[in-house]
Amino acid sequence: MATASHTPAVVAEDICCAGTDAELLGGAEAGHLAVVFKALSDPTRIRLLQYLAESDAGTACACHLPEALGISQPTLSFHMRKLRDAGLVDRDQRGRWVHWTVRPEALGPARTFLDLPASGTAGPSCC
């Protein structure tokens, strides 16, 4: 009678990657970034922000924006409110019209956040 050779099963080790020693964002800071990113999640608002940032005078009158972007005045008001609530633009009432200006410093925290190290720079993945 032949005996079957028995090879022990290879058991894969349960290895977990090391975490990080980095400090997590605070709740308030994460909440602020979420508001900024939510405001920038709409193509019309991105176009509005670009239009304002690139205007020769550094500001743009609300009277020019609807035609430039192909939107109605109520739609403009809706989107500008979102950008203003996120702290990305300032509003200046000049007589009948509102002039809008980008607040570049408001994008600083988002720039810092987006400058996170690229995935995979820490070496090979272990998980």
C-alpha atoms as a PDB file:
ATOM      1  CA  MET A   1       0.000   0.000   0.000  1.00  0.00           C
ATOM      2  CA  ALA A   2       1.456   3.324  -1.055  1.00  0.00           C
ATOM      3  CA  THR A   3       1.391   6.172   1.346  1.00  0.00           C
ATOM      4  CA  ALA A   4       0.447   9.602   0.113  1.00  0.00           C
ATOM      5  CA  SER A   5       3.028  12.244   0.741  1.00  0.00           C
ATOM      6  CA  HIS A   6       1.652  15.009   2.846  1.00  0.00           C
ATOM      7  CA  THR A   7       2.960  18.518   2.235  1.00  0.00           C
ATOM      8  CA  PRO A   8       2.113  20.973   4.967  1.00  0.00           C
ATOM      9  CA  ALA A   9      -0.128  23.831   3.807  1.00  0.00           C
ATOM     10  CA  VAL A  10       1.590  27.175   3.564  1.00  0.00           C
ATOM     11  CA  VAL A  11      -0.210  29.650   5.753  1.00  0.00           C
ATOM     12  CA  ALA A  12       0.056  33.252   4.663  1.00  0.00           C
ATOM     13  CA  GLU A  13       0.979  35.562   7.451  1.00  0.00           C
ATOM     14  CA  ASP A  14      -1.576  38.174   8.379  1.00  0.00           C
ATOM     15  CA  ILE A  15       0.571  41.251   7.923  1.00  0.00           C
ATOM     16  CA  CYS A  16      -0.751  44.750   8.231  1.00  0.00           C
ATOM     17  CA  CYS A  17       1.004  47.856   6.946  1.00  0.00           C
ATOM     18  CA  ALA A  18       2.230  50.387   9.398  1.00  0.00           C
ATOM     19  CA  GLY A  19      -0.014  53.384   9.801  1.00  0.00           C
ATOM     20  CA  THR A  20       1.191  56.923   9.955  1.00  0.00           C
ATOM     21  CA  ASP A  21       2.316  59.219  12.685  1.00  0.00           C
ATOM     22  CA  ALA A  22       0.684  62.168  10.914  1.00  0.00           C
ATOM     23  CA  GLU A  23      -1.907  64.115  12.798  1.00  0.00           C
ATOM     24  CA  LEU A  24      -5.403  63.994  11.347  1.00  0.00           C
ATOM     25  CA  LEU A  25      -7.128  67.188  10.312  1.00  0.00           C
ATOM     26  CA  GLY A  26      -9.320  68.643  12.996  1.00  0.00           C
ATOM     27  CA  GLY A  27     -13.058  68.465  12.512  1.00  0.00           C
ATOM     28  CA  ALA A  28     -13.419  72.205  11.909  1.00  0.00           C
ATOM     29  CA  GLU A  29     -10.614  72.295   9.346  1.00  0.00           C
ATOM     30  CA  ALA A  30     -11.982  69.229   7.540  1.00  0.00           C
ATOM     31  CA  GLY A  31     -15.443  70.798   7.570  1.00  0.00           C
ATOM     32  CA  HIS A  32     -14.112  74.029   6.049  1.00  0.00           C
ATOM     33  CA  LEU A  33     -12.282  72.112   3.316  1.00  0.00           C
ATOM     34  CA  ALA A  34     -15.440  70.142   2.576  1.00  0.00           C
ATOM     35  CA  VAL A  35     -17.381  73.394   2.096  1.00  0.00           C
ATOM     36  CA  VAL A  36     -14.694  74.723  -0.270  1.00  0.00           C
ATOM     37  CA  PHE A  37     -14.533  71.494  -2.275  1.00  0.00           C
ATOM     38  CA  LYS A  38     -18.323  71.298  -2.419  1.00  0.00           C
ATOM     39  CA  ALA A  39     -18.451  74.870  -3.736  1.00  0.00           C
ATOM     40  CA  LEU A  40     -15.896  73.913  -6.388  1.00  0.00           C
ATOM     41  CA  SER A  41     -17.728  70.720  -7.335  1.00  0.00           C
ATOM     42  CA  ASP A  42     -19.886  72.517  -9.902  1.00  0.00           C
ATOM     43  CA  PRO A  43     -18.538  73.363 -13.387  1.00  0.00           C
ATOM     44  CA  THR A  44     -20.369  76.706 -13.479  1.00  0.00           C
ATOM     45  CA  ARG A  45     -18.792  77.799 -10.195  1.00  0.00           C
ATOM     46  CA  ILE A  46     -15.351  76.771 -11.421  1.00  0.00           C
ATOM     47  CA  ARG A  47     -15.914  78.831 -14.571  1.00  0.00           C
ATOM     48  CA  LEU A  48     -17.109  81.778 -12.484  1.00  0.00           C
ATOM     49  CA  LEU A  49     -14.066  81.620 -10.231  1.00  0.00           C
ATOM     50  CA  GLN A  50     -11.743  81.480 -13.245  1.00  0.00           C
ATOM     51  CA  TYR A  51     -13.540  84.401 -14.917  1.00  0.00           C
ATOM     52  CA  LEU A  52     -13.201  86.525 -11.800  1.00  0.00           C
ATOM     53  CA  ALA A  53      -9.572  85.549 -11.186  1.00  0.00           C
ATOM     54  CA  GLU A  54      -8.569  86.401 -14.740  1.00  0.00           C
ATOM     55  CA  SER A  55     -10.486  89.677 -15.064  1.00  0.00           C
ATOM     56  CA  ASP A  56      -8.267  92.650 -15.898  1.00  0.00           C
ATOM     57  CA  ALA A  57      -9.569  94.794 -13.036  1.00  0.00           C
ATOM     58  CA  GLY A  58      -9.365  91.962 -10.504  1.00  0.00           C
ATOM     59  CA  THR A  59     -13.108  92.243 -10.125  1.00  0.00           C
ATOM     60  CA  ALA A  60     -16.141  91.683 -12.310  1.00  0.00           C
ATOM     61  CA  CYS A  61     -19.562  93.262 -12.315  1.00  0.00           C
ATOM     62  CA  ALA A  62     -22.499  90.912 -11.955  1.00  0.00           C
ATOM     63  CA  CYS A  63     -24.029  92.603 -14.987  1.00  0.00           C
ATOM     64  CA  HIS A  64     -21.431  90.946 -17.270  1.00  0.00           C
ATOM     65  CA  LEU A  65     -21.379  87.465 -15.766  1.00  0.00           C
ATOM     66  CA  PRO A  66     -24.680  85.950 -16.976  1.00  0.00           C
ATOM     67  CA  GLU A  67     -23.959  86.681 -20.634  1.00  0.00           C
ATOM     68  CA  ALA A  68     -20.303  85.656 -20.367  1.00  0.00           C
ATOM     69  CA  LEU A  69     -21.266  82.266 -18.928  1.00  0.00           C
ATOM     70  CA  GLY A  70     -24.577  81.766 -20.710  1.00  0.00           C
ATOM     71  CA  ILE A  71     -26.622  81.612 -17.491  1.00  0.00           C
ATOM     72  CA  SER A  72     -29.548  83.585 -16.094  1.00  0.00           C
ATOM     73  CA  GLN A  73     -29.272  86.216 -13.367  1.00  0.00           C
ATOM     74  CA  PRO A  74     -31.038  83.977 -10.788  1.00  0.00           C
ATOM     75  CA  THR A  75     -28.641  81.124 -11.621  1.00  0.00           C
ATOM     76  CA  LEU A  76     -25.711  83.511 -11.208  1.00  0.00           C
ATOM     77  CA  SER A  77     -27.019  84.604  -7.808  1.00  0.00           C
ATOM     78  CA  PHE A  78     -27.360  80.989  -6.681  1.00  0.00           C
ATOM     79  CA  HIS A  79     -23.807  80.078  -7.687  1.00  0.00           C
ATOM     80  CA  MET A  80     -22.235  83.264  -6.351  1.00  0.00           C
ATOM     81  CA  ARG A  81     -23.891  82.668  -2.997  1.00  0.00           C
ATOM     82  CA  LYS A  82     -22.293  79.208  -2.846  1.00  0.00           C
ATOM     83  CA  LEU A  83     -18.877  80.682  -3.638  1.00  0.00           C
ATOM     84  CA  ARG A  84     -19.365  83.477  -1.115  1.00  0.00           C
ATOM     85  CA  ASP A  85     -20.573  81.107   1.623  1.00  0.00           C
ATOM     86  CA  ALA A  86     -17.411  79.061   1.049  1.00  0.00           C
ATOM     87  CA  GLY A  87     -15.354  82.231   1.512  1.00  0.00           C
ATOM     88  CA  LEU A  88     -13.954  82.101  -2.018  1.00  0.00           C
ATOM     89  CA  VAL A  89     -15.230  85.476  -3.229  1.00  0.00           C
ATOM     90  CA  ASP A  90     -15.985  88.922  -1.846  1.00  0.00           C
ATOM     91  CA  ARG A  91     -19.004  91.003  -2.762  1.00  0.00           C
ATOM     92  CA  ASP A  92     -18.888  94.785  -3.172  1.00  0.00           C
ATOM     93  CA  GLN A  93     -22.126  96.678  -3.796  1.00  0.00           C
ATOM     94  CA  ARG A  94     -21.519  99.586  -6.185  1.00  0.00           C
ATOM     95  CA  GLY A  95     -24.757 101.388  -6.769  1.00  0.00           C
ATOM     96  CA  ARG A  96     -27.173  99.044  -8.468  1.00  0.00           C
ATOM     97  CA  TRP A  97     -24.607  96.365  -9.285  1.00  0.00           C
ATOM     98  CA  VAL A  98     -22.510  93.934  -7.294  1.00  0.00           C
ATOM     99  CA  HIS A  99     -18.849  93.495  -8.106  1.00  0.00           C
ATOM    100  CA  TRP A 100     -17.227  90.179  -7.249  1.00  0.00           C
ATOM    101  CA  THR A 101     -13.584  89.538  -6.401  1.00  0.00           C
ATOM    102  CA  VAL A 102     -11.761  86.259  -5.784  1.00  0.00           C
ATOM    103  CA  ARG A 103     -10.173  85.798  -2.351  1.00  0.00           C
ATOM    104  CA  PRO A 104      -6.987  83.905  -3.335  1.00  0.00           C
ATOM    105  CA  GLU A 105      -5.990  83.409   0.305  1.00  0.00           C
ATOM    106  CA  ALA A 106      -9.175  81.395   0.802  1.00  0.00           C
ATOM    107  CA  LEU A 107      -7.751  78.709  -1.469  1.00  0.00           C
ATOM    108  CA  GLY A 108      -4.588  78.340   0.639  1.00  0.00           C
ATOM    109  CA  PRO A 109      -5.873  75.530   2.881  1.00  0.00           C
ATOM    110  CA  ALA A 110      -7.185  73.635  -0.158  1.00  0.00           C
ATOM    111  CA  ARG A 111      -3.820  74.028  -1.927  1.00  0.00           C
ATOM    112  CA  THR A 112      -2.013  72.742   1.157  1.00  0.00           C
ATOM    113  CA  PHE A 113      -4.367  69.783   1.426  1.00  0.00           C
ATOM    114  CA  LEU A 114      -4.019  68.921  -2.266  1.00  0.00           C
ATOM    115  CA  ASP A 115      -0.233  68.983  -1.935  1.00  0.00           C
ATOM    116  CA  LEU A 116      -0.316  65.673  -0.044  1.00  0.00           C
ATOM    117  CA  PRO A 117       2.394  63.155  -0.981  1.00  0.00           C
ATOM    118  CA  ALA A 118       1.543  61.088  -4.016  1.00  0.00           C
ATOM    119  CA  SER A 119       0.371  57.555  -3.321  1.00  0.00           C
ATOM    120  CA  GLY A 120       3.121  54.990  -3.567  1.00  0.00           C
ATOM    121  CA  THR A 121       5.985  57.277  -2.607  1.00  0.00           C
ATOM    122  CA  ALA A 122       6.379  55.545   0.733  1.00  0.00           C
ATOM    123  CA  GLY A 123       7.550  52.320  -0.874  1.00  0.00           C
ATOM    124  CA  PRO A 124       5.851  49.108  -1.901  1.00  0.00           C
ATOM    125  CA  SER A 125       2.403  48.356  -0.640  1.00  0.00           C
ATOM    126  CA  CYS A 126       2.152  45.603   1.923  1.00  0.00           C
ATOM    127  CA  CYS A 127      -1.598  45.221   2.042  1.00  0.00           C
END
